[in-house]
């Protein structure tokens, strides 16, 4: 049973976009590894930008600078 965990920052991702991520990740495992889509689990975790760091800074700080 494949398990895929997608982590994204919480910045207004729509339900439709999440559905497309789930469908796409599932299909990728079918196409590349021949996995059964009925047993493939995809979880999307949305992380606040204050809790996601890059280069020693939070994404919140980086976004405020326009990065």
PDB file of N, CA and C in Angstrom:
ATOM      1  N   UNK A   1       0.843  -1.165   0.000  1.00  0.00           N
ATOM      2  CA  UNK A   1       0.000   0.000   0.000  1.00  0.00           C
ATOM      3  C   UNK A   1       0.894   1.236   0.000  1.00  0.00           C
ATOM      4  N   UNK A   2       1.051   1.912  -1.122  1.00  0.00           N
ATOM      5  CA  UNK A   2       1.868   3.130  -1.174  1.00  0.00           C
ATOM      6  C   UNK A   2       1.245   4.248  -0.339  1.00  0.00           C
ATOM      7  N   UNK A   3       2.109   5.018   0.285  1.00  0.00           N
ATOM      8  CA  UNK A   3       1.698   6.173   1.089  1.00  0.00           C
ATOM      9  C   UNK A   3       2.511   7.367   0.616  1.00  0.00           C
ATOM     10  N   UNK A   4       1.830   8.406   0.161  1.00  0.00           N
ATOM     11  CA  UNK A   4       2.480   9.620  -0.318  1.00  0.00           C
ATOM     12  C   UNK A   4       2.076  10.763   0.606  1.00  0.00           C
ATOM     13  N   UNK A   5       3.055  11.506   1.104  1.00  0.00           N
ATOM     14  CA  UNK A   5       2.772  12.654   1.960  1.00  0.00           C
ATOM     15  C   UNK A   5       3.280  13.909   1.259  1.00  0.00           C
ATOM     16  N   UNK A   6       2.354  14.783   0.905  1.00  0.00           N
ATOM     17  CA  UNK A   6       2.683  16.041   0.237  1.00  0.00           C
ATOM     18  C   UNK A   6       2.574  17.146   1.281  1.00  0.00           C
ATOM     19  N   UNK A   7       3.641  17.898   1.457  1.00  0.00           N
ATOM     20  CA  UNK A   7       3.634  19.017   2.391  1.00  0.00           C
ATOM     21  C   UNK A   7       3.731  20.310   1.593  1.00  0.00           C
ATOM     22  N   UNK A   8       2.784  21.206   1.857  1.00  0.00           N
ATOM     23  CA  UNK A   8       2.748  22.493   1.188  1.00  0.00           C
ATOM     24  C   UNK A   8       2.508  23.581   2.231  1.00  0.00           C
ATOM     25  N   UNK A   9       2.879  24.811   1.912  1.00  0.00           N
ATOM     26  CA  UNK A   9       2.566  25.902   2.815  1.00  0.00           C
ATOM     27  C   UNK A   9       1.082  26.251   2.682  1.00  0.00           C
ATOM     28  N   UNK A  10       0.519  26.678   3.796  1.00  0.00           N
ATOM     29  CA  UNK A  10      -0.897  27.046   3.825  1.00  0.00           C
ATOM     30  C   UNK A  10      -1.036  28.448   3.246  1.00  0.00           C
ATOM     31  N   UNK A  11      -1.304  28.497   1.947  1.00  0.00           N
ATOM     32  CA  UNK A  11      -1.396  29.787   1.264  1.00  0.00           C
ATOM     33  C   UNK A  11      -2.515  29.779   0.230  1.00  0.00           C
ATOM     34  N   UNK A  12      -3.683  29.326   0.633  1.00  0.00           N
ATOM     35  CA  UNK A  12      -4.848  29.440  -0.225  1.00  0.00           C
ATOM     36  C   UNK A  12      -4.986  28.402  -1.320  1.00  0.00           C
ATOM     37  N   UNK A  13      -4.478  27.201  -1.094  1.00  0.00           N
ATOM     38  CA  UNK A  13      -4.657  26.131  -2.074  1.00  0.00           C
ATOM     39  C   UNK A  13      -6.122  25.709  -2.041  1.00  0.00           C
ATOM     40  N   UNK A  14      -6.718  25.613  -3.208  1.00  0.00           N
ATOM     41  CA  UNK A  14      -8.145  25.288  -3.280  1.00  0.00           C
ATOM     42  C   UNK A  14      -8.381  23.781  -3.169  1.00  0.00           C
ATOM     43  N   UNK A  15      -9.614  23.425  -2.870  1.00  0.00           N
ATOM     44  CA  UNK A  15      -9.994  22.010  -2.809  1.00  0.00           C
ATOM     45  C   UNK A  15      -9.779  21.343  -4.167  1.00  0.00           C
ATOM     46  N   UNK A  16     -10.032  22.062  -5.241  1.00  0.00           N
ATOM     47  CA  UNK A  16      -9.821  21.517  -6.587  1.00  0.00           C
ATOM     48  C   UNK A  16      -8.335  21.231  -6.831  1.00  0.00           C
ATOM     49  N   UNK A  17      -7.478  22.139  -6.421  1.00  0.00           N
ATOM     50  CA  UNK A  17      -6.040  21.928  -6.586  1.00  0.00           C
ATOM     51  C   UNK A  17      -5.567  20.719  -5.776  1.00  0.00           C
ATOM     52  N   UNK A  18      -6.081  20.575  -4.562  1.00  0.00           N
ATOM     53  CA  UNK A  18      -5.714  19.422  -3.735  1.00  0.00           C
ATOM     54  C   UNK A  18      -6.189  18.128  -4.384  1.00  0.00           C
ATOM     55  N   UNK A  19      -7.393  18.150  -4.922  1.00  0.00           N
ATOM     56  CA  UNK A  19      -7.916  16.961  -5.598  1.00  0.00           C
ATOM     57  C   UNK A  19      -7.025  16.577  -6.775  1.00  0.00           C
ATOM     58  N   UNK A  20      -6.552  17.578  -7.515  1.00  0.00           N
ATOM     59  CA  UNK A  20      -5.660  17.314  -8.647  1.00  0.00           C
ATOM     60  C   UNK A  20      -4.323  16.751  -8.179  1.00  0.00           C
ATOM     61  N   UNK A  21      -3.799  17.248  -7.059  1.00  0.00           N
ATOM     62  CA  UNK A  21      -2.566  16.690  -6.499  1.00  0.00           C
ATOM     63  C   UNK A  21      -2.751  15.225  -6.120  1.00  0.00           C
ATOM     64  N   UNK A  22      -3.867  14.921  -5.476  1.00  0.00           N
ATOM     65  CA  UNK A  22      -4.142  13.542  -5.063  1.00  0.00           C
ATOM     66  C   UNK A  22      -4.264  12.637  -6.288  1.00  0.00           C
ATOM     67  N   UNK A  23      -5.011  13.081  -7.274  1.00  0.00           N
ATOM     68  CA  UNK A  23      -5.174  12.293  -8.497  1.00  0.00           C
ATOM     69  C   UNK A  23      -3.846  12.119  -9.220  1.00  0.00           C
ATOM     70  N   UNK A  24      -3.075  13.193  -9.315  1.00  0.00           N
ATOM     71  CA  UNK A  24      -1.808  13.144 -10.035  1.00  0.00           C
ATOM     72  C   UNK A  24      -0.781  12.250  -9.360  1.00  0.00           C
ATOM     73  N   UNK A  25      -0.672  12.355  -8.033  1.00  0.00           N
ATOM     74  CA  UNK A  25       0.278  11.511  -7.301  1.00  0.00           C
ATOM     75  C   UNK A  25      -0.112  10.045  -7.414  1.00  0.00           C
ATOM     76  N   UNK A  26      -1.393   9.779  -7.321  1.00  0.00           N
ATOM     77  CA  UNK A  26      -1.881   8.403  -7.461  1.00  0.00           C
ATOM     78  C   UNK A  26      -1.561   7.859  -8.849  1.00  0.00           C
ATOM     79  N   UNK A  27      -1.847   8.642  -9.875  1.00  0.00           N
ATOM     80  CA  UNK A  27      -1.596   8.199 -11.247  1.00  0.00           C
ATOM     81  C   UNK A  27      -0.111   7.994 -11.505  1.00  0.00           C
ATOM     82  N   UNK A  28       0.732   8.836 -10.922  1.00  0.00           N
ATOM     83  CA  UNK A  28       2.178   8.681 -11.072  1.00  0.00           C
ATOM     84  C   UNK A  28       2.642   7.323 -10.542  1.00  0.00           C
ATOM     85  N   UNK A  29       2.129   6.912  -9.397  1.00  0.00           N
ATOM     86  CA  UNK A  29       2.501   5.612  -8.840  1.00  0.00           C
ATOM     87  C   UNK A  29       1.977   4.459  -9.700  1.00  0.00           C
ATOM     88  N   UNK A  30       0.819   4.658 -10.295  1.00  0.00           N
ATOM     89  CA  UNK A  30       0.291   3.651 -11.228  1.00  0.00           C
ATOM     90  C   UNK A  30       1.198   3.547 -12.444  1.00  0.00           C
ATOM     91  N   UNK A  31       1.532   4.691 -13.034  1.00  0.00           N
ATOM     92  CA  UNK A  31       2.305   4.719 -14.274  1.00  0.00           C
ATOM     93  C   UNK A  31       3.752   4.251 -14.094  1.00  0.00           C
ATOM     94  N   UNK A  32       4.387   4.677 -13.029  1.00  0.00           N
ATOM     95  CA  UNK A  32       5.812   4.398 -12.856  1.00  0.00           C
ATOM     96  C   UNK A  32       6.063   3.061 -12.167  1.00  0.00           C
ATOM     97  N   UNK A  33       5.264   2.764 -11.139  1.00  0.00           N
ATOM     98  CA  UNK A  33       5.528   1.565 -10.344  1.00  0.00           C
ATOM     99  C   UNK A  33       4.477   0.465 -10.485  1.00  0.00           C
ATOM    100  N   UNK A  34       3.429   0.746 -11.262  1.00  0.00           N
ATOM    101  CA  UNK A  34       2.379  -0.250 -11.451  1.00  0.00           C
ATOM    102  C   UNK A  34       1.552  -0.498 -10.201  1.00  0.00           C
ATOM    103  N   UNK A  35       1.463   0.485  -9.314  1.00  0.00           N
ATOM    104  CA  UNK A  35       0.724   0.329  -8.062  1.00  0.00           C
ATOM    105  C   UNK A  35      -0.779   0.408  -8.288  1.00  0.00           C
ATOM    106  N   UNK A  36      -1.509  -0.246  -7.400  1.00  0.00           N
ATOM    107  CA  UNK A  36      -2.964  -0.256  -7.458  1.00  0.00           C
ATOM    108  C   UNK A  36      -3.493   1.069  -6.895  1.00  0.00           C
ATOM    109  N   UNK A  37      -4.231   1.836  -7.684  1.00  0.00           N
ATOM    110  CA  UNK A  37      -4.732   3.115  -7.193  1.00  0.00           C
ATOM    111  C   UNK A  37      -5.718   2.963  -6.026  1.00  0.00           C
ATOM    112  N   UNK A  38      -6.362   1.816  -5.919  1.00  0.00           N
ATOM    113  CA  UNK A  38      -7.334   1.593  -4.851  1.00  0.00           C
ATOM    114  C   UNK A  38      -6.679   1.438  -3.479  1.00  0.00           C
ATOM    115  N   UNK A  39      -5.378   1.151  -3.474  1.00  0.00           N
ATOM    116  CA  UNK A  39      -4.679   1.003  -2.192  1.00  0.00           C
ATOM    117  C   UNK A  39      -3.629   2.090  -1.977  1.00  0.00           C
ATOM    118  N   UNK A  40      -3.621   3.085  -2.844  1.00  0.00           N
ATOM    119  CA  UNK A  40      -2.658   4.181  -2.724  1.00  0.00           C
ATOM    120  C   UNK A  40      -3.251   5.287  -1.854  1.00  0.00           C
ATOM    121  N   UNK A  41      -2.499   5.673  -0.836  1.00  0.00           N
ATOM    122  CA  UNK A  41      -2.931   6.707   0.103  1.00  0.00           C
ATOM    123  C   UNK A  41      -2.119   7.968  -0.165  1.00  0.00           C
ATOM    124  N   UNK A  42      -2.810   9.102  -0.297  1.00  0.00           N
ATOM    125  CA  UNK A  42      -2.145  10.397  -0.467  1.00  0.00           C
ATOM    126  C   UNK A  42      -2.666  11.329   0.617  1.00  0.00           C
ATOM    127  N   UNK A  43      -1.739  11.912   1.373  1.00  0.00           N
ATOM    128  CA  UNK A  43      -2.088  12.850   2.428  1.00  0.00           C
ATOM    129  C   UNK A  43      -1.433  14.188   2.114  1.00  0.00           C
ATOM    130  N   UNK A  44      -2.208  15.254   2.219  1.00  0.00           N
ATOM    131  CA  UNK A  44      -1.676  16.599   2.020  1.00  0.00           C
ATOM    132  C   UNK A  44      -1.661  17.299   3.365  1.00  0.00           C
ATOM    133  N   UNK A  45      -0.472  17.717   3.796  1.00  0.00           N
ATOM    134  CA  UNK A  45      -0.328  18.505   5.021  1.00  0.00           C
ATOM    135  C   UNK A  45      -0.072  19.943   4.635  1.00  0.00           C
ATOM    136  N   UNK A  46      -0.887  20.842   5.173  1.00  0.00           N
ATOM    137  CA  UNK A  46      -0.675  22.271   4.956  1.00  0.00           C
ATOM    138  C   UNK A  46      -0.008  22.845   6.200  1.00  0.00           C
ATOM    139  N   UNK A  47       1.132  23.489   5.997  1.00  0.00           N
ATOM    140  CA  UNK A  47       1.942  24.007   7.088  1.00  0.00           C
ATOM    141  C   UNK A  47       1.905  25.529   7.057  1.00  0.00           C
ATOM    142  N   UNK A  48       1.656  26.134   8.217  1.00  0.00           N
ATOM    143  CA  UNK A  48       1.700  27.594   8.292  1.00  0.00           C
ATOM    144  C   UNK A  48       3.089  28.082   7.889  1.00  0.00           C
ATOM    145  N   UNK A  49       3.140  29.203   7.204  1.00  0.00           N
ATOM    146  CA  UNK A  49       4.428  29.715   6.735  1.00  0.00           C
ATOM    147  C   UNK A  49       5.362  30.094   7.885  1.00  0.00           C
ATOM    148  N   UNK A  50       4.810  30.361   9.076  1.00  0.00           N
ATOM    149  CA  UNK A  50       5.661  30.607  10.248  1.00  0.00           C
ATOM    150  C   UNK A  50       6.394  29.337  10.676  1.00  0.00           C
ATOM    151  N   UNK A  51       5.872  28.187  10.291  1.00  0.00           N
ATOM    152  CA  UNK A  51       6.425  26.898  10.706  1.00  0.00           C
ATOM    153  C   UNK A  51       7.242  26.217   9.618  1.00  0.00           C
ATOM    154  N   UNK A  52       7.561  26.930   8.561  1.00  0.00           N
ATOM    155  CA  UNK A  52       8.314  26.371   7.435  1.00  0.00           C
ATOM    156  C   UNK A  52       9.512  27.279   7.206  1.00  0.00           C
ATOM    157  N   UNK A  53      10.693  26.733   7.348  1.00  0.00           N
ATOM    158  CA  UNK A  53      11.888  27.557   7.208  1.00  0.00           C
ATOM    159  C   UNK A  53      12.727  27.168   6.008  1.00  0.00           C
ATOM    160  N   UNK A  54      13.342  28.167   5.402  1.00  0.00           N
ATOM    161  CA  UNK A  54      14.263  27.977   4.286  1.00  0.00           C
ATOM    162  C   UNK A  54      15.440  28.926   4.508  1.00  0.00           C
ATOM    163  N   UNK A  55      16.628  28.407   4.456  1.00  0.00           N
ATOM    164  CA  UNK A  55      17.802  29.256   4.594  1.00  0.00           C
ATOM    165  C   UNK A  55      17.884  29.982   5.926  1.00  0.00           C
ATOM    166  N   UNK A  56      17.362  29.375   6.978  1.00  0.00           N
ATOM    167  CA  UNK A  56      17.439  29.980   8.302  1.00  0.00           C
ATOM    168  C   UNK A  56      16.354  30.985   8.617  1.00  0.00           C
ATOM    169  N   UNK A  57      15.373  31.126   7.736  1.00  0.00           N
ATOM    170  CA  UNK A  57      14.277  32.068   7.944  1.00  0.00           C
ATOM    171  C   UNK A  57      12.945  31.388   7.676  1.00  0.00           C
ATOM    172  N   UNK A  58      11.904  31.907   8.311  1.00  0.00           N
ATOM    173  CA  UNK A  58      10.575  31.378   8.023  1.00  0.00           C
ATOM    174  C   UNK A  58      10.121  31.845   6.644  1.00  0.00           C
ATOM    175  N   UNK A  59       9.236  31.092   6.055  1.00  0.00           N
ATOM    176  CA  UNK A  59       8.675  31.481   4.761  1.00  0.00           C
ATOM    177  C   UNK A  59       7.909  32.795   4.901  1.00  0.00           C
ATOM    178  N   UNK A  60       7.307  33.030   6.054  1.00  0.00           N
ATOM    179  CA  UNK A  60       6.594  34.290   6.289  1.00  0.00           C
ATOM    180  C   UNK A  60       7.522  35.487   6.077  1.00  0.00           C
ATOM    181  N   UNK A  61       8.721  35.409   6.648  1.00  0.00           N
ATOM    182  CA  UNK A  61       9.702  36.493   6.510  1.00  0.00           C
ATOM    183  C   UNK A  61      10.136  36.625   5.055  1.00  0.00           C
ATOM    184  N   UNK A  62      10.394  35.506   4.422  1.00  0.00           N
ATOM    185  CA  UNK A  62      10.828  35.537   3.018  1.00  0.00           C
ATOM    186  C   UNK A  62       9.746  36.117   2.112  1.00  0.00           C
ATOM    187  N   UNK A  63       8.492  35.730   2.354  1.00  0.00           N
ATOM    188  CA  UNK A  63       7.387  36.253   1.543  1.00  0.00           C
ATOM    189  C   UNK A  63       7.248  37.766   1.738  1.00  0.00           C
ATOM    190  N   UNK A  64       7.468  38.236   2.966  1.00  0.00           N
ATOM    191  CA  UNK A  64       7.356  39.675   3.259  1.00  0.00           C
ATOM    192  C   UNK A  64       8.397  40.468   2.459  1.00  0.00           C
ATOM    193  N   UNK A  65       9.528  39.834   2.174  1.00  0.00           N
ATOM    194  CA  UNK A  65      10.569  40.474   1.361  1.00  0.00           C
ATOM    195  C   UNK A  65      10.332  40.277  -0.129  1.00  0.00           C
ATOM    196  N   UNK A  66       9.308  39.538  -0.481  1.00  0.00           N
ATOM    197  CA  UNK A  66       9.020  39.316  -1.885  1.00  0.00           C
ATOM    198  C   UNK A  66       9.718  38.121  -2.490  1.00  0.00           C
ATOM    199  N   UNK A  67      10.232  37.244  -1.670  1.00  0.00           N
ATOM    200  CA  UNK A  67      10.931  36.040  -2.166  1.00  0.00           C
ATOM    201  C   UNK A  67       9.978  34.886  -2.294  1.00  0.00           C
TER     202      UNK A  67
END
